[in-house]
């Protein structure tokens, strides 16, 4: 492709060729900026250039392989973590199950011991369970004291209500 034709510009398509016949120095890369060359220079090949499709394809393939390796590694790590969690869960469950069995055995032993004690001491258990029969003559003095206390409390309540009513009626008039 022809490049810009003018004074001080190169007629070459290569961005690495000498640029100026007049030798302007600081603007030596001016030709590479405004060149409409589809072929990038060495070291300027990027993702948007298609000059070398074989190397672009190789780069894409290498990126794909690297991505697949990384995914496989992550999957292996995830599987390992999952197995470790499963082992820990099973270990915790077995510990819990052993503790439950031990507590069940202890509880069964306590129940058996309590049954044996009750069976061995039927007279004591029967004596604790039965109350003596009610004897009015024996309980009569306590009953009379309870009734007298209740009557006295009732009379005190009635008297206090009368006094408060008298105070209210005298305060109104």
N, C-alpha and C. Protein backbone atom coordinates (compact mmCIF):
# COMPACT_ATOMS: atom_id res chain seq x y z
N UNK A 1 0.85 -1.17 0.00
CA UNK A 1 0.00 0.00 0.00
C UNK A 1 0.89 1.23 0.00
N UNK A 2 0.51 2.25 -0.70
CA UNK A 2 1.32 3.46 -0.70
C UNK A 2 1.11 4.22 0.59
N UNK A 3 2.19 4.80 1.06
CA UNK A 3 2.09 5.61 2.26
C UNK A 3 1.95 7.06 1.86
N UNK A 4 1.88 7.94 2.83
CA UNK A 4 1.71 9.37 2.57
C UNK A 4 2.86 9.86 1.72
N UNK A 5 2.53 10.57 0.66
CA UNK A 5 3.58 11.08 -0.23
C UNK A 5 3.77 12.55 0.06
N UNK A 6 4.90 12.93 0.52
CA UNK A 6 5.19 14.32 0.83
C UNK A 6 6.61 14.46 1.28
N UNK A 7 6.98 15.69 1.49
CA UNK A 7 8.35 15.97 1.89
C UNK A 7 8.54 15.49 3.32
N UNK A 8 9.61 14.78 3.57
CA UNK A 8 9.96 14.32 4.90
C UNK A 8 9.29 13.02 5.30
N UNK A 9 8.58 12.37 4.40
CA UNK A 9 7.93 11.12 4.73
C UNK A 9 8.55 10.01 3.94
N UNK A 10 8.52 8.84 4.52
CA UNK A 10 9.12 7.69 3.85
C UNK A 10 8.12 7.10 2.89
N UNK A 11 8.65 6.53 1.82
CA UNK A 11 7.78 5.88 0.86
C UNK A 11 7.76 4.38 1.09
N UNK A 12 8.42 3.93 2.12
CA UNK A 12 8.47 2.51 2.42
C UNK A 12 7.27 2.10 3.26
N UNK A 13 6.85 0.86 3.13
CA UNK A 13 5.73 0.34 3.91
C UNK A 13 6.17 -0.17 5.27
N UNK A 14 7.42 -0.33 5.50
CA UNK A 14 7.92 -0.87 6.75
C UNK A 14 8.05 0.22 7.80
N UNK A 15 7.57 0.02 9.00
CA UNK A 15 7.67 1.03 10.04
C UNK A 15 9.08 1.15 10.60
N UNK A 16 9.96 0.21 10.27
CA UNK A 16 11.32 0.26 10.82
C UNK A 16 12.30 0.92 9.85
N UNK A 17 11.83 1.35 8.71
CA UNK A 17 12.76 1.96 7.74
C UNK A 17 13.06 3.39 8.14
N UNK A 18 14.15 3.95 7.68
CA UNK A 18 14.45 5.35 7.98
C UNK A 18 13.33 6.22 7.46
N UNK A 19 12.96 7.23 8.22
CA UNK A 19 11.74 7.94 7.91
C UNK A 19 11.94 9.23 7.14
N UNK A 20 12.98 9.93 7.33
CA UNK A 20 13.03 11.27 6.78
C UNK A 20 14.25 11.47 5.90
N UNK A 21 14.02 12.09 4.75
CA UNK A 21 15.14 12.45 3.89
C UNK A 21 15.77 13.73 4.40
N UNK A 22 15.00 14.52 5.09
CA UNK A 22 15.52 15.78 5.61
C UNK A 22 16.13 15.60 6.99
N UNK A 23 15.82 14.48 7.69
CA UNK A 23 16.41 14.18 9.00
C UNK A 23 15.89 15.06 10.11
N UNK A 24 14.63 14.98 10.35
CA UNK A 24 14.04 15.82 11.39
C UNK A 24 14.29 15.28 12.80
N UNK A 25 14.78 14.15 13.05
CA UNK A 25 15.19 13.65 14.36
C UNK A 25 14.04 13.23 15.26
N UNK A 26 13.39 14.14 15.94
CA UNK A 26 12.37 13.83 16.95
C UNK A 26 11.12 13.25 16.35
N UNK A 27 10.88 13.46 15.08
CA UNK A 27 9.67 12.96 14.44
C UNK A 27 9.95 11.75 13.57
N UNK A 28 10.89 10.95 13.98
CA UNK A 28 11.24 9.78 13.17
C UNK A 28 10.17 8.71 13.20
N UNK A 29 9.35 8.62 14.27
CA UNK A 29 8.30 7.62 14.33
C UNK A 29 6.96 8.13 13.82
N UNK A 30 6.96 9.29 13.19
CA UNK A 30 5.75 9.91 12.66
C UNK A 30 5.14 9.05 11.56
N UNK A 31 6.00 8.43 10.78
CA UNK A 31 5.54 7.59 9.70
C UNK A 31 4.79 6.37 10.22
N UNK A 32 5.21 5.82 11.33
CA UNK A 32 4.54 4.62 11.86
C UNK A 32 3.18 4.97 12.44
N UNK A 33 3.02 6.20 12.90
CA UNK A 33 1.72 6.58 13.46
C UNK A 33 0.65 6.73 12.39
N UNK A 34 1.02 7.29 11.27
CA UNK A 34 0.02 7.58 10.25
C UNK A 34 0.11 6.66 9.05
N UNK A 35 0.88 5.62 9.15
CA UNK A 35 0.97 4.65 8.06
C UNK A 35 -0.28 3.80 8.07
N UNK A 36 -0.80 3.52 6.91
CA UNK A 36 -1.98 2.66 6.79
C UNK A 36 -1.57 1.26 6.41
N UNK A 37 -0.50 0.84 7.00
CA UNK A 37 0.04 -0.48 6.71
C UNK A 37 -0.65 -1.51 7.59
N UNK A 38 -1.14 -2.59 6.99
CA UNK A 38 -1.83 -3.64 7.74
C UNK A 38 -0.86 -4.60 8.40
N UNK A 39 0.40 -4.53 8.08
CA UNK A 39 1.38 -5.44 8.65
C UNK A 39 2.10 -4.74 9.79
N UNK A 40 1.88 -5.19 11.04
CA UNK A 40 2.52 -4.53 12.17
C UNK A 40 4.02 -4.82 12.18
N UNK A 41 4.75 -3.94 12.82
CA UNK A 41 6.18 -4.11 12.93
C UNK A 41 6.52 -5.16 13.98
N UNK A 42 7.79 -5.50 14.04
CA UNK A 42 8.20 -6.49 15.04
C UNK A 42 7.91 -5.96 16.44
N UNK A 43 7.34 -6.81 17.28
CA UNK A 43 7.03 -6.42 18.64
C UNK A 43 5.76 -5.61 18.76
N UNK A 44 5.07 -5.36 17.65
CA UNK A 44 3.84 -4.57 17.70
C UNK A 44 2.61 -5.41 17.41
N UNK A 45 2.78 -6.68 17.40
CA UNK A 45 1.63 -7.54 17.14
C UNK A 45 0.80 -7.62 18.41
N UNK A 46 -0.46 -7.32 18.33
CA UNK A 46 -1.35 -7.34 19.49
C UNK A 46 -2.57 -8.17 19.21
N UNK A 47 -3.54 -8.07 20.11
CA UNK A 47 -4.76 -8.86 19.98
C UNK A 47 -5.58 -8.44 18.77
N UNK A 48 -5.45 -7.17 18.35
CA UNK A 48 -6.26 -6.68 17.25
C UNK A 48 -5.62 -6.86 15.89
N UNK A 49 -4.42 -7.41 15.79
CA UNK A 49 -3.75 -7.57 14.50
C UNK A 49 -3.88 -9.01 14.04
N UNK A 50 -4.10 -9.15 12.76
CA UNK A 50 -4.29 -10.48 12.19
C UNK A 50 -3.23 -10.79 11.13
N UNK A 51 -2.07 -10.20 11.27
CA UNK A 51 -1.04 -10.41 10.27
C UNK A 51 -0.50 -11.82 10.34
N UNK A 52 -0.38 -12.36 11.52
CA UNK A 52 0.19 -13.68 11.67
C UNK A 52 -0.85 -14.58 12.32
N UNK A 53 -1.74 -15.15 11.51
CA UNK A 53 -2.83 -15.95 12.05
C UNK A 53 -2.34 -17.22 12.72
N UNK A 54 -1.26 -17.77 12.23
CA UNK A 54 -0.75 -19.01 12.82
C UNK A 54 -0.29 -18.76 14.25
N UNK A 55 0.43 -17.66 14.46
CA UNK A 55 0.90 -17.38 15.83
C UNK A 55 -0.26 -16.95 16.72
N UNK A 56 -1.25 -16.25 16.16
CA UNK A 56 -2.42 -15.89 16.93
C UNK A 56 -3.18 -17.14 17.35
N UNK A 57 -3.28 -18.09 16.43
CA UNK A 57 -3.95 -19.34 16.73
C UNK A 57 -3.17 -20.11 17.81
N UNK A 58 -1.86 -20.09 17.72
CA UNK A 58 -1.02 -20.76 18.72
C UNK A 58 -1.19 -20.08 20.08
N UNK A 59 -1.24 -18.73 20.08
CA UNK A 59 -1.45 -18.01 21.33
C UNK A 59 -2.80 -18.36 21.94
N UNK A 60 -3.83 -18.41 21.12
CA UNK A 60 -5.17 -18.74 21.60
C UNK A 60 -5.19 -20.16 22.15
N UNK A 61 -4.52 -21.07 21.44
CA UNK A 61 -4.45 -22.46 21.90
C UNK A 61 -3.73 -22.57 23.24
N UNK A 62 -2.63 -21.82 23.38
CA UNK A 62 -1.88 -21.87 24.64
C UNK A 62 -2.72 -21.26 25.78
N UNK A 63 -3.45 -20.18 25.49
CA UNK A 63 -4.33 -19.61 26.52
C UNK A 63 -5.43 -20.60 26.91
N UNK A 64 -5.95 -21.30 25.90
CA UNK A 64 -6.99 -22.29 26.16
C UNK A 64 -6.45 -23.43 27.02
N UNK A 65 -5.26 -23.92 26.69
CA UNK A 65 -4.66 -25.00 27.47
C UNK A 65 -4.40 -24.54 28.91
N UNK A 66 -3.90 -23.33 29.06
CA UNK A 66 -3.63 -22.79 30.40
C UNK A 66 -4.93 -22.67 31.19
N UNK A 67 -5.99 -22.19 30.54
CA UNK A 67 -7.28 -22.07 31.19
C UNK A 67 -7.81 -23.45 31.60
N UNK A 68 -7.67 -24.44 30.71
CA UNK A 68 -8.11 -25.80 31.02
C UNK A 68 -7.31 -26.39 32.18
N UNK A 69 -5.99 -26.13 32.20
CA UNK A 69 -5.16 -26.61 33.31
C UNK A 69 -5.60 -25.97 34.62
N UNK A 70 -5.86 -24.66 34.57
CA UNK A 70 -6.28 -23.95 35.78
C UNK A 70 -7.63 -24.48 36.28
N UNK A 71 -8.57 -24.73 35.36
CA UNK A 71 -9.88 -25.27 35.73
C UNK A 71 -9.73 -26.66 36.33
N UNK A 72 -8.89 -27.50 35.72
CA UNK A 72 -8.68 -28.85 36.23
C UNK A 72 -8.07 -28.80 37.63
N UNK A 73 -7.11 -27.88 37.84
CA UNK A 73 -6.50 -27.73 39.16
C UNK A 73 -7.53 -27.29 40.19
N UNK A 74 -8.36 -26.32 39.81
CA UNK A 74 -9.40 -25.85 40.72
C UNK A 74 -10.39 -26.96 41.05
N UNK A 75 -10.72 -27.79 40.05
CA UNK A 75 -11.63 -28.91 40.29
C UNK A 75 -11.01 -29.93 41.23
N UNK A 76 -9.71 -30.22 41.03
CA UNK A 76 -9.04 -31.16 41.93
C UNK A 76 -9.02 -30.61 43.36
N UNK A 77 -8.73 -29.31 43.49
CA UNK A 77 -8.71 -28.70 44.83
C UNK A 77 -10.10 -28.73 45.46
N UNK A 78 -11.13 -28.45 44.66
CA UNK A 78 -12.50 -28.49 45.18
C UNK A 78 -12.87 -29.90 45.61
N UNK A 79 -12.49 -30.92 44.81
CA UNK A 79 -12.77 -32.30 45.19
C UNK A 79 -12.06 -32.67 46.48
N UNK A 80 -10.81 -32.24 46.61
CA UNK A 80 -10.05 -32.52 47.82
C UNK A 80 -10.70 -31.87 49.04
N UNK A 81 -11.10 -30.60 48.89
CA UNK A 81 -11.78 -29.91 50.00
C UNK A 81 -13.10 -30.60 50.35
N UNK A 82 -13.84 -31.03 49.33
CA UNK A 82 -15.11 -31.71 49.56
C UNK A 82 -14.88 -33.03 50.30
N UNK A 83 -13.86 -33.79 49.90
CA UNK A 83 -13.56 -35.05 50.58
C UNK A 83 -13.16 -34.79 52.03
N UNK A 84 -12.35 -33.75 52.25
CA UNK A 84 -11.93 -33.43 53.63
C UNK A 84 -13.14 -33.05 54.49
N UNK A 85 -14.03 -32.23 53.92
CA UNK A 85 -15.24 -31.86 54.67
C UNK A 85 -16.09 -33.08 54.98
N UNK A 86 -16.22 -33.99 54.01
CA UNK A 86 -17.01 -35.20 54.20
C UNK A 86 -16.39 -36.08 55.29
N UNK A 87 -15.06 -36.22 55.27
CA UNK A 87 -14.39 -37.01 56.30
C UNK A 87 -14.61 -36.39 57.68
N UNK A 88 -14.47 -35.07 57.76
CA UNK A 88 -14.67 -34.39 59.05
C UNK A 88 -16.11 -34.55 59.53
N UNK A 89 -17.07 -34.45 58.61
CA UNK A 89 -18.47 -34.62 58.97
C UNK A 89 -18.73 -36.03 59.47
N UNK A 90 -18.16 -37.03 58.77
CA UNK A 90 -18.36 -38.41 59.20
C UNK A 90 -17.71 -38.66 60.55
N UNK A 91 -16.53 -38.07 60.76
CA UNK A 91 -15.86 -38.22 62.04
C UNK A 91 -16.69 -37.58 63.16
N UNK A 92 -17.21 -36.38 62.90
CA UNK A 92 -18.05 -35.72 63.89
C UNK A 92 -19.32 -36.53 64.18
N UNK A 93 -19.91 -37.08 63.13
CA UNK A 93 -21.12 -37.88 63.30
C UNK A 93 -20.82 -39.14 64.11
N UNK A 94 -19.68 -39.80 63.84
CA UNK A 94 -19.36 -41.01 64.59
C UNK A 94 -19.06 -40.67 66.06
N UNK A 95 -18.39 -39.54 66.30
CA UNK A 95 -18.14 -39.11 67.67
C UNK A 95 -19.46 -38.83 68.38
N UNK A 96 -20.36 -38.15 67.72
CA UNK A 96 -21.67 -37.85 68.29
C UNK A 96 -22.46 -39.13 68.56
N UNK A 97 -22.41 -40.05 67.64
CA UNK A 97 -23.13 -41.31 67.79
C UNK A 97 -22.57 -42.11 68.96
N UNK A 98 -21.23 -42.13 69.10
CA UNK A 98 -20.63 -42.85 70.23
C UNK A 98 -21.04 -42.20 71.55
N UNK A 99 -21.07 -40.87 71.59
CA UNK A 99 -21.48 -40.16 72.79
C UNK A 99 -22.94 -40.48 73.13
N UNK A 100 -23.80 -40.52 72.12
CA UNK A 100 -25.21 -40.85 72.35
C UNK A 100 -25.37 -42.27 72.90
N UNK A 101 -24.61 -43.20 72.31
CA UNK A 101 -24.69 -44.59 72.79
C UNK A 101 -24.22 -44.68 74.24
N UNK A 102 -23.15 -43.98 74.56
CA UNK A 102 -22.62 -44.00 75.93
C UNK A 102 -23.64 -43.43 76.91
N UNK A 103 -24.27 -42.29 76.52
CA UNK A 103 -25.28 -41.69 77.38
C UNK A 103 -26.50 -42.61 77.52
N UNK A 104 -26.87 -43.33 76.45
CA UNK A 104 -28.01 -44.25 76.52
C UNK A 104 -27.70 -45.40 77.48
N UNK A 105 -26.47 -45.91 77.43
CA UNK A 105 -26.08 -46.99 78.33
C UNK A 105 -26.10 -46.49 79.78
N UNK A 106 -25.57 -45.28 80.01
CA UNK A 106 -25.59 -44.71 81.36
C UNK A 106 -27.02 -44.50 81.86
N UNK A 107 -27.88 -44.00 81.00
CA UNK A 107 -29.27 -43.77 81.38
C UNK A 107 -29.97 -45.09 81.70
N UNK A 108 -29.72 -46.12 80.89
CA UNK A 108 -30.31 -47.43 81.16
C UNK A 108 -29.82 -47.97 82.50
N UNK A 109 -28.56 -47.75 82.81
CA UNK A 109 -28.01 -48.17 84.11
C UNK A 109 -28.68 -47.44 85.26
N UNK A 110 -28.89 -46.13 85.11
CA UNK A 110 -29.56 -45.37 86.16
C UNK A 110 -31.00 -45.85 86.36
N UNK A 111 -31.70 -46.10 85.28
CA UNK A 111 -33.09 -46.58 85.38
C UNK A 111 -33.15 -47.95 86.07
N UNK A 112 -32.23 -48.83 85.68
CA UNK A 112 -32.20 -50.16 86.26
C UNK A 112 -31.91 -50.07 87.77
N UNK A 113 -31.00 -49.20 88.12
CA UNK A 113 -30.64 -49.01 89.53
C UNK A 113 -31.85 -48.47 90.32
N UNK A 114 -32.56 -47.51 89.73
CA UNK A 114 -33.74 -46.96 90.41
C UNK A 114 -34.82 -48.02 90.58
N UNK A 115 -35.03 -48.87 89.57
CA UNK A 115 -36.02 -49.95 89.68
C UNK A 115 -35.63 -50.94 90.77
N UNK A 116 -34.34 -51.26 90.83
CA UNK A 116 -33.86 -52.19 91.85
C UNK A 116 -34.07 -51.62 93.24
N UNK A 117 -33.82 -50.33 93.43
CA UNK A 117 -34.01 -49.71 94.73
C UNK A 117 -35.48 -49.74 95.14
N UNK A 118 -36.36 -49.45 94.21
CA UNK A 118 -37.80 -49.47 94.52
C UNK A 118 -38.25 -50.89 94.83
N UNK A 119 -37.76 -51.86 94.09
CA UNK A 119 -38.14 -53.26 94.30
C UNK A 119 -37.59 -53.76 95.64
N UNK A 120 -36.38 -53.32 96.00
CA UNK A 120 -35.77 -53.78 97.24
C UNK A 120 -36.41 -53.15 98.47
N UNK A 121 -37.00 -51.98 98.33
CA UNK A 121 -37.57 -51.30 99.48
C UNK A 121 -39.07 -51.04 99.28
N UNK A 122 -39.89 -52.07 99.21
CA UNK A 122 -41.32 -51.84 99.00
C UNK A 122 -42.00 -51.26 100.23
N UNK A 123 -41.54 -51.62 101.39
CA UNK A 123 -42.17 -51.11 102.61
C UNK A 123 -41.92 -49.61 102.75
N UNK A 124 -40.71 -49.18 102.45
CA UNK A 124 -40.37 -47.77 102.54
C UNK A 124 -41.16 -46.97 101.50
N UNK A 125 -41.23 -47.49 100.30
CA UNK A 125 -41.97 -46.81 99.24
C UNK A 125 -43.45 -46.73 99.59
N UNK A 126 -44.01 -47.78 100.17
CA UNK A 126 -45.43 -47.80 100.53
C UNK A 126 -45.70 -46.82 101.66
N UNK A 127 -44.79 -46.73 102.61
CA UNK A 127 -44.97 -45.82 103.74
C UNK A 127 -44.90 -44.37 103.28
N UNK A 128 -44.03 -44.09 102.31
CA UNK A 128 -43.92 -42.73 101.81
C UNK A 128 -45.13 -42.35 100.96
N UNK A 129 -45.72 -43.31 100.28
CA UNK A 129 -46.82 -43.03 99.38
C UNK A 129 -48.14 -42.84 100.14
N UNK A 130 -48.36 -43.50 101.30
CA UNK A 130 -49.64 -43.43 102.02
C UNK A 130 -49.61 -42.32 103.07
N UNK A 131 -50.75 -41.60 103.16
CA UNK A 131 -50.93 -40.61 104.22
C UNK A 131 -51.75 -41.25 105.35
N UNK A 132 -51.56 -40.75 106.54
CA UNK A 132 -52.40 -41.30 107.63
C UNK A 132 -53.85 -40.85 107.44
N UNK A 133 -54.78 -41.63 107.95
CA UNK A 133 -56.21 -41.31 107.82
C UNK A 133 -56.52 -40.06 108.62
N UNK A 134 -57.53 -39.31 108.17
CA UNK A 134 -57.95 -38.08 108.85
C UNK A 134 -58.72 -38.43 110.13
N UNK A 135 -58.29 -37.83 111.25
CA UNK A 135 -58.96 -38.04 112.54
C UNK A 135 -59.43 -36.67 113.03
N UNK A 136 -60.76 -36.44 113.00
CA UNK A 136 -61.29 -35.12 113.34
C UNK A 136 -60.98 -34.75 114.78
N UNK A 137 -61.12 -35.66 115.71
CA UNK A 137 -60.88 -35.36 117.11
C UNK A 137 -59.43 -34.94 117.35
N UNK A 138 -58.53 -35.55 116.61
CA UNK A 138 -57.12 -35.23 116.75
C UNK A 138 -56.79 -33.87 116.13
N UNK A 139 -57.46 -33.54 115.02
CA UNK A 139 -57.18 -32.31 114.27
C UNK A 139 -58.08 -31.15 114.71
N UNK A 140 -59.08 -31.39 115.59
CA UNK A 140 -60.06 -30.38 115.98
C UNK A 140 -59.43 -29.09 116.51
N UNK A 141 -58.44 -29.11 117.39
CA UNK A 141 -57.88 -27.84 117.88
C UNK A 141 -57.27 -26.99 116.75
N UNK A 142 -56.58 -27.62 115.84
CA UNK A 142 -55.97 -26.86 114.73
C UNK A 142 -57.05 -26.27 113.82
N UNK A 143 -58.12 -27.01 113.60
CA UNK A 143 -59.23 -26.53 112.77
C UNK A 143 -59.87 -25.31 113.42
N UNK A 144 -60.11 -25.36 114.73
CA UNK A 144 -60.75 -24.25 115.44
C UNK A 144 -59.87 -23.00 115.40
N UNK A 145 -58.57 -23.14 115.54
CA UNK A 145 -57.65 -22.00 115.46
C UNK A 145 -57.71 -21.38 114.07
N UNK A 146 -57.77 -22.19 113.03
CA UNK A 146 -57.85 -21.70 111.65
C UNK A 146 -59.13 -20.93 111.40
N UNK A 147 -60.26 -21.46 111.95
CA UNK A 147 -61.55 -20.79 111.77
C UNK A 147 -61.56 -19.45 112.51
N UNK A 148 -61.03 -19.43 113.73
CA UNK A 148 -60.99 -18.18 114.51
C UNK A 148 -60.14 -17.13 113.81
N UNK A 149 -59.03 -17.51 113.27
CA UNK A 149 -58.17 -16.58 112.55
C UNK A 149 -58.88 -16.02 111.33
N UNK A 150 -59.61 -16.86 110.60
CA UNK A 150 -60.35 -16.41 109.41
C UNK A 150 -61.45 -15.44 109.81
N UNK A 151 -62.19 -15.72 110.92
CA UNK A 151 -63.26 -14.82 111.36
C UNK A 151 -62.70 -13.47 111.78
N UNK A 152 -61.60 -13.47 112.48
CA UNK A 152 -60.99 -12.22 112.92
C UNK A 152 -60.56 -11.38 111.72
N UNK A 153 -59.96 -12.02 110.71
CA UNK A 153 -59.54 -11.30 109.51
C UNK A 153 -60.74 -10.72 108.78
N UNK A 154 -61.85 -11.45 108.73
CA UNK A 154 -63.06 -10.96 108.06
C UNK A 154 -63.65 -9.77 108.80
N UNK A 155 -63.70 -9.84 110.13
CA UNK A 155 -64.22 -8.71 110.92
C UNK A 155 -63.33 -7.47 110.74
N UNK A 156 -62.04 -7.64 110.71
CA UNK A 156 -61.12 -6.51 110.51
C UNK A 156 -61.36 -5.85 109.14
N UNK A 157 -61.58 -6.65 108.14
CA UNK A 157 -61.83 -6.14 106.80
C UNK A 157 -63.13 -5.35 106.77
N UNK A 158 -64.18 -5.86 107.39
CA UNK A 158 -65.48 -5.17 107.42
C UNK A 158 -65.34 -3.83 108.14
N UNK A 159 -64.66 -3.84 109.28
CA UNK A 159 -64.48 -2.59 110.04
C UNK A 159 -63.69 -1.55 109.25
N UNK A 160 -62.66 -1.97 108.58
CA UNK A 160 -61.87 -1.00 107.80
C UNK A 160 -62.68 -0.44 106.64
N UNK A 161 -63.55 -1.23 106.03
CA UNK A 161 -64.40 -0.73 104.94
C UNK A 161 -65.40 0.29 105.48
N UNK A 162 -65.97 0.04 106.68
CA UNK A 162 -66.92 1.00 107.28
C UNK A 162 -66.22 2.32 107.60
N UNK A 163 -65.03 2.27 108.14
CA UNK A 163 -64.29 3.49 108.49
C UNK A 163 -63.98 4.29 107.22
N UNK A 164 -63.57 3.63 106.17
CA UNK A 164 -63.25 4.35 104.93
C UNK A 164 -64.51 4.98 104.33
N UNK A 165 -65.68 4.29 104.42
CA UNK A 165 -66.93 4.86 103.91
C UNK A 165 -67.33 6.10 104.72
N UNK A 166 -67.13 6.05 106.04
CA UNK A 166 -67.46 7.20 106.89
C UNK A 166 -66.56 8.39 106.56
N UNK A 167 -65.29 8.14 106.29
CA UNK A 167 -64.36 9.22 105.93
C UNK A 167 -64.75 9.85 104.59
N UNK A 168 -65.16 9.05 103.66
CA UNK A 168 -65.55 9.56 102.34
C UNK A 168 -66.82 10.40 102.43
N UNK A 169 -67.80 9.94 103.19
CA UNK A 169 -69.04 10.69 103.31
C UNK A 169 -68.84 11.99 104.06
N UNK A 170 -67.94 12.00 105.07
CA UNK A 170 -67.67 13.24 105.79
C UNK A 170 -66.87 14.22 104.94
N UNK A 171 -66.06 13.74 104.06
CA UNK A 171 -65.26 14.61 103.19
C UNK A 171 -66.13 15.23 102.10
N UNK A 172 -67.16 14.55 101.68
CA UNK A 172 -68.06 15.08 100.64
C UNK A 172 -68.91 16.20 101.19
N UNK A 173 -69.42 16.08 102.46
CA UNK A 173 -70.31 17.08 103.05
C UNK A 173 -69.55 18.16 103.61
